[in-house]
Protein backbone atom coordinates (compact mmCIF):
# COMPACT_ATOMS: atom_id res chain seq x y z
CA MET A 1 -193.79 -43.46 97.22
CA ALA A 2 -191.31 -44.12 99.80
CA LEU A 3 -188.38 -45.46 99.23
CA LEU A 4 -187.13 -49.51 101.26
CA THR A 5 -185.13 -49.68 103.60
CA LEU A 6 -182.47 -51.58 103.40
CA PRO A 7 -181.53 -54.37 105.79
CA GLU A 8 -178.98 -55.02 107.76
CA VAL A 9 -178.01 -58.63 105.65
CA LEU A 10 -177.89 -56.52 102.35
CA LYS A 11 -175.53 -53.50 103.94
CA ASN A 12 -173.13 -56.35 104.96
CA THR A 13 -173.76 -58.64 101.74
CA PRO A 14 -171.20 -58.05 99.72
CA ILE A 15 -172.38 -57.04 95.21
CA LYS A 16 -170.30 -55.70 92.75
CA VAL A 17 -173.01 -53.25 92.30
CA PHE A 18 -173.22 -49.69 94.14
CA GLY A 19 -175.68 -46.74 94.12
CA LYS A 20 -178.71 -45.89 96.04
CA HIS A 21 -180.50 -46.95 93.00
CA ASN A 22 -179.36 -50.15 92.56
CA LEU A 23 -179.34 -51.40 95.88
CA GLN A 24 -183.54 -50.29 96.18
CA ASN A 25 -183.73 -51.86 93.08
CA ILE A 26 -181.98 -55.33 94.52
CA ASN A 27 -184.23 -55.37 97.95
CA GLY A 28 -187.33 -54.24 94.82
CA ALA A 29 -186.56 -57.75 93.94
CA LYS A 30 -185.30 -59.82 96.42
CA GLU A 31 -189.35 -58.62 98.11
CA VAL A 32 -190.74 -60.22 94.18
CA LEU A 33 -188.69 -63.00 94.45
CA LYS A 34 -190.20 -64.34 97.45
CA LYS A 35 -193.58 -64.03 96.49
CA ILE A 36 -192.26 -67.02 93.35
CA GLY A 37 -190.10 -69.26 96.62
CA ILE A 38 -187.16 -67.94 95.98
CA SER A 39 -185.61 -68.58 99.67
CA GLU A 40 -183.70 -65.00 101.38
CA GLU A 41 -180.77 -67.17 101.71
CA GLN A 42 -181.15 -68.71 98.40
CA PHE A 43 -181.47 -64.74 97.04
CA TYR A 44 -178.34 -63.21 99.06
CA GLU A 45 -175.96 -65.90 97.59
CA ALA A 46 -177.35 -65.69 94.70
CA ILE A 47 -177.09 -61.03 94.18
CA GLN A 48 -172.87 -61.89 94.94
CA SER A 49 -172.67 -61.91 91.28
CA PHE A 50 -174.71 -60.06 89.79
CA LYS A 51 -172.36 -57.77 88.12
CA GLY A 52 -175.61 -55.76 87.16
CA PRO A 53 -177.59 -54.89 83.67
CA GLN A 54 -175.43 -54.74 80.69
CA ASN A 55 -173.77 -50.57 80.27
CA ARG A 56 -175.63 -49.27 83.38
CA LEU A 57 -172.21 -47.94 85.63
CA GLN A 58 -169.97 -50.84 83.65
CA LEU A 59 -166.54 -49.61 85.01
CA ILE A 60 -163.66 -49.72 81.98
CA LYS A 61 -160.79 -48.96 83.50
CA SER A 62 -159.56 -48.66 86.86
CA GLY A 63 -155.99 -47.64 88.55
CA ASP A 64 -154.08 -46.45 91.65
CA SER A 65 -156.39 -43.29 92.12
CA THR A 66 -158.60 -43.42 88.48
CA ALA A 67 -161.42 -45.39 87.85
CA ILE A 68 -163.63 -44.79 84.37
CA TYR A 69 -166.99 -46.06 83.26
CA LYS A 70 -169.49 -45.41 81.00
CA ASP A 71 -173.34 -45.60 81.45
CA PHE A 72 -176.48 -45.94 79.49
CA ALA A 73 -178.05 -42.93 81.33
CA HIS A 74 -179.64 -40.03 79.50
CA ALA A 75 -182.98 -39.19 80.91
CA PRO A 76 -182.37 -36.43 84.02
CA SER A 77 -183.22 -38.34 87.02
CA LYS A 78 -180.96 -41.21 85.86
CA VAL A 79 -178.00 -38.86 85.32
CA ARG A 80 -178.90 -37.54 88.89
CA ALA A 81 -178.64 -40.91 89.97
CA THR A 82 -175.72 -41.97 88.46
CA THR A 83 -173.42 -39.50 88.63
CA LEU A 84 -174.23 -39.92 92.80
CA ALA A 85 -173.65 -42.93 92.80
CA LEU A 86 -169.92 -42.71 91.46
CA LYS A 87 -169.71 -39.51 93.93
CA GLU A 88 -170.49 -41.21 96.72
CA GLN A 89 -168.50 -44.62 96.26
CA TYR A 90 -165.49 -42.57 95.40
CA PRO A 91 -166.24 -39.81 98.50
CA ASP A 92 -162.61 -38.39 97.60
CA ARG A 93 -162.13 -38.59 93.91
CA ASP A 94 -163.47 -35.69 91.96
CA LEU A 95 -166.27 -36.95 89.80
CA VAL A 96 -165.31 -35.64 86.06
CA ALA A 97 -169.15 -36.30 84.06
CA CYS A 98 -169.56 -36.28 80.31
CA LEU A 99 -172.94 -36.26 79.22
CA GLU A 100 -173.83 -36.93 75.33
CA LEU A 101 -177.55 -35.45 74.28
CA HIS A 102 -178.31 -37.78 71.27
CA THR A 103 -182.37 -39.22 72.30
CA PHE A 104 -185.37 -37.61 70.90
CA SER A 105 -186.59 -35.85 73.67
CA SER A 106 -182.40 -34.82 75.43
CA LEU A 107 -182.07 -32.66 72.03
CA ASN A 108 -184.97 -30.67 72.62
CA LYS A 109 -185.37 -27.32 73.22
CA SER A 110 -187.68 -27.16 75.20
CA PHE A 111 -186.97 -30.68 77.22
CA LEU A 112 -183.20 -29.06 78.42
CA ALA A 113 -184.74 -27.17 81.25
CA GLN A 114 -185.39 -31.17 82.73
CA TYR A 115 -182.02 -31.74 83.28
CA LYS A 116 -181.16 -28.49 86.13
CA GLY A 117 -178.90 -29.78 88.83
CA SER A 118 -178.99 -33.47 87.57
CA MET A 119 -174.96 -32.97 86.89
CA LYS A 120 -175.09 -30.83 89.95
CA PHE A 121 -172.43 -34.18 92.00
CA SER A 122 -169.52 -33.28 89.14
CA TYR A 123 -166.68 -30.87 89.83
CA LYS A 124 -166.46 -30.89 86.14
CA PRO A 125 -170.02 -31.73 84.54
CA ILE A 126 -169.53 -31.85 80.68
CA VAL A 127 -171.99 -32.05 77.58
CA TYR A 128 -171.73 -33.01 74.44
CA TYR A 129 -173.68 -32.97 71.56
CA ASN A 130 -173.11 -33.31 67.71
CA PRO A 131 -175.74 -30.41 65.47
CA GLU A 132 -175.97 -32.97 62.85
CA THR A 133 -177.83 -35.39 64.89
CA VAL A 134 -180.35 -32.06 66.11
CA GLU A 135 -180.40 -31.40 62.05
CA HIS A 136 -181.30 -35.32 61.69
CA LYS A 137 -183.88 -35.46 64.33
CA LYS A 138 -186.23 -32.51 62.48
CA LEU A 139 -185.46 -30.89 65.34
CA GLU A 140 -185.23 -27.06 66.70
CA PRO A 141 -181.28 -26.30 66.13
CA ILE A 142 -180.14 -25.66 70.09
CA SER A 143 -176.49 -23.76 70.76
CA LYS A 144 -174.25 -24.06 73.63
CA LYS A 145 -176.02 -20.95 75.16
CA ASP A 146 -179.39 -22.70 75.33
CA ILE A 147 -177.57 -26.03 77.16
CA LYS A 148 -175.59 -23.62 79.91
CA GLU A 149 -178.89 -21.79 80.93
CA ALA A 150 -180.57 -24.83 81.34
CA PHE A 151 -178.28 -26.91 83.02
CA ASP A 152 -176.95 -24.29 85.34
CA GLU A 153 -174.00 -25.56 86.54
CA ARG A 154 -171.01 -22.97 87.17
CA ASN A 155 -168.24 -24.86 85.29
CA LEU A 156 -170.53 -26.92 82.67
CA LYS A 157 -168.40 -26.92 79.03
CA VAL A 158 -170.01 -27.67 76.28
CA PHE A 159 -168.30 -29.51 73.29
CA THR A 160 -170.52 -30.27 69.90
CA ASP A 161 -166.86 -31.65 68.10
CA ILE A 162 -166.33 -34.89 69.61
CA ASN A 163 -162.14 -34.79 68.50
CA LYS A 164 -162.07 -31.76 70.94
CA LEU A 165 -163.58 -32.96 73.59
CA LEU A 166 -161.48 -35.90 73.33
CA ALA A 167 -158.53 -34.01 73.59
CA TYR A 168 -160.11 -31.76 76.92
CA LEU A 169 -160.07 -35.70 78.60
CA ARG A 170 -156.15 -36.39 77.94
CA ASP A 171 -155.28 -33.39 78.68
CA GLN A 172 -156.04 -33.67 82.49
CA ASN A 173 -155.06 -35.23 85.55
CA TRP A 174 -156.38 -37.66 86.57
CA LYS A 175 -155.25 -38.20 89.76
CA ASP A 176 -157.68 -38.44 92.21
CA LYS A 177 -160.27 -38.36 89.96
CA ASN A 178 -162.95 -40.58 88.26
CA LEU A 179 -164.49 -40.34 84.64
CA LEU A 180 -168.02 -40.83 83.97
CA MET A 181 -169.15 -41.09 79.61
CA MET A 182 -173.06 -41.57 80.22
CA SER A 183 -175.10 -41.63 76.73
CA SER A 184 -177.12 -43.79 75.21
CA GLY A 185 -175.49 -43.20 71.80
CA THR A 186 -171.60 -43.59 70.69
CA PHE A 187 -170.05 -40.46 71.14
CA ASN A 188 -170.11 -40.84 68.01
CA GLN A 189 -167.85 -44.21 68.17
CA VAL A 190 -165.45 -43.37 70.49
CA ASP A 191 -163.32 -46.22 72.08
CA TYR A 192 -164.05 -46.65 75.71
CA GLU A 193 -161.06 -48.99 76.36
CA ALA A 194 -158.30 -47.23 74.02
CA LEU A 195 -159.42 -43.34 75.62
CA ALA A 196 -159.19 -45.30 78.87
CA THR A 197 -155.92 -46.54 78.55
CA GLU A 198 -154.83 -42.94 77.52
CA LEU A 199 -156.15 -41.78 80.83
CA ILE A 200 -154.93 -44.09 82.75
CA ASN A 201 -151.20 -44.81 83.02
């Protein structure tokens, strides 16, 4: 399927979302709305206030040289698209991308290989999962080694303890770095606002 070509007017319209996948979706929506009588002028005026779907590339907090986002991404293609979008939006900042494996498929040992290359746009890729969730879903146990081999990222860090993950994040120097937290879960009920306040002084 061919990618949609963005018209020049969309490229020059101030919008609140970013990422090639979002721009393609916006252009596709415009074409659908044309069929029900929405003019391009009406569309371009309205799209400027569109903040995107809830929990998709949602900005939690930003500072002079750091931004912290959360995203509902969990499927391999969504993880790749989201990390690429954030890296392209902030090309001069390093990206720390943290993914929680939470769904039945993402915790399935035979599915893990689908994530290969999905976090290549992060200079510090991190994967978190809770072994109790694996057990609760009655899935075959997975190890940190299984995840590292599947993702095939040289700098990948894997955590199974949320407190150790949060301690690691707090210990980083966040100058000229962004943090992306990706999950369809909650990282064990992490308070994103409180974490962002701790990381951005």
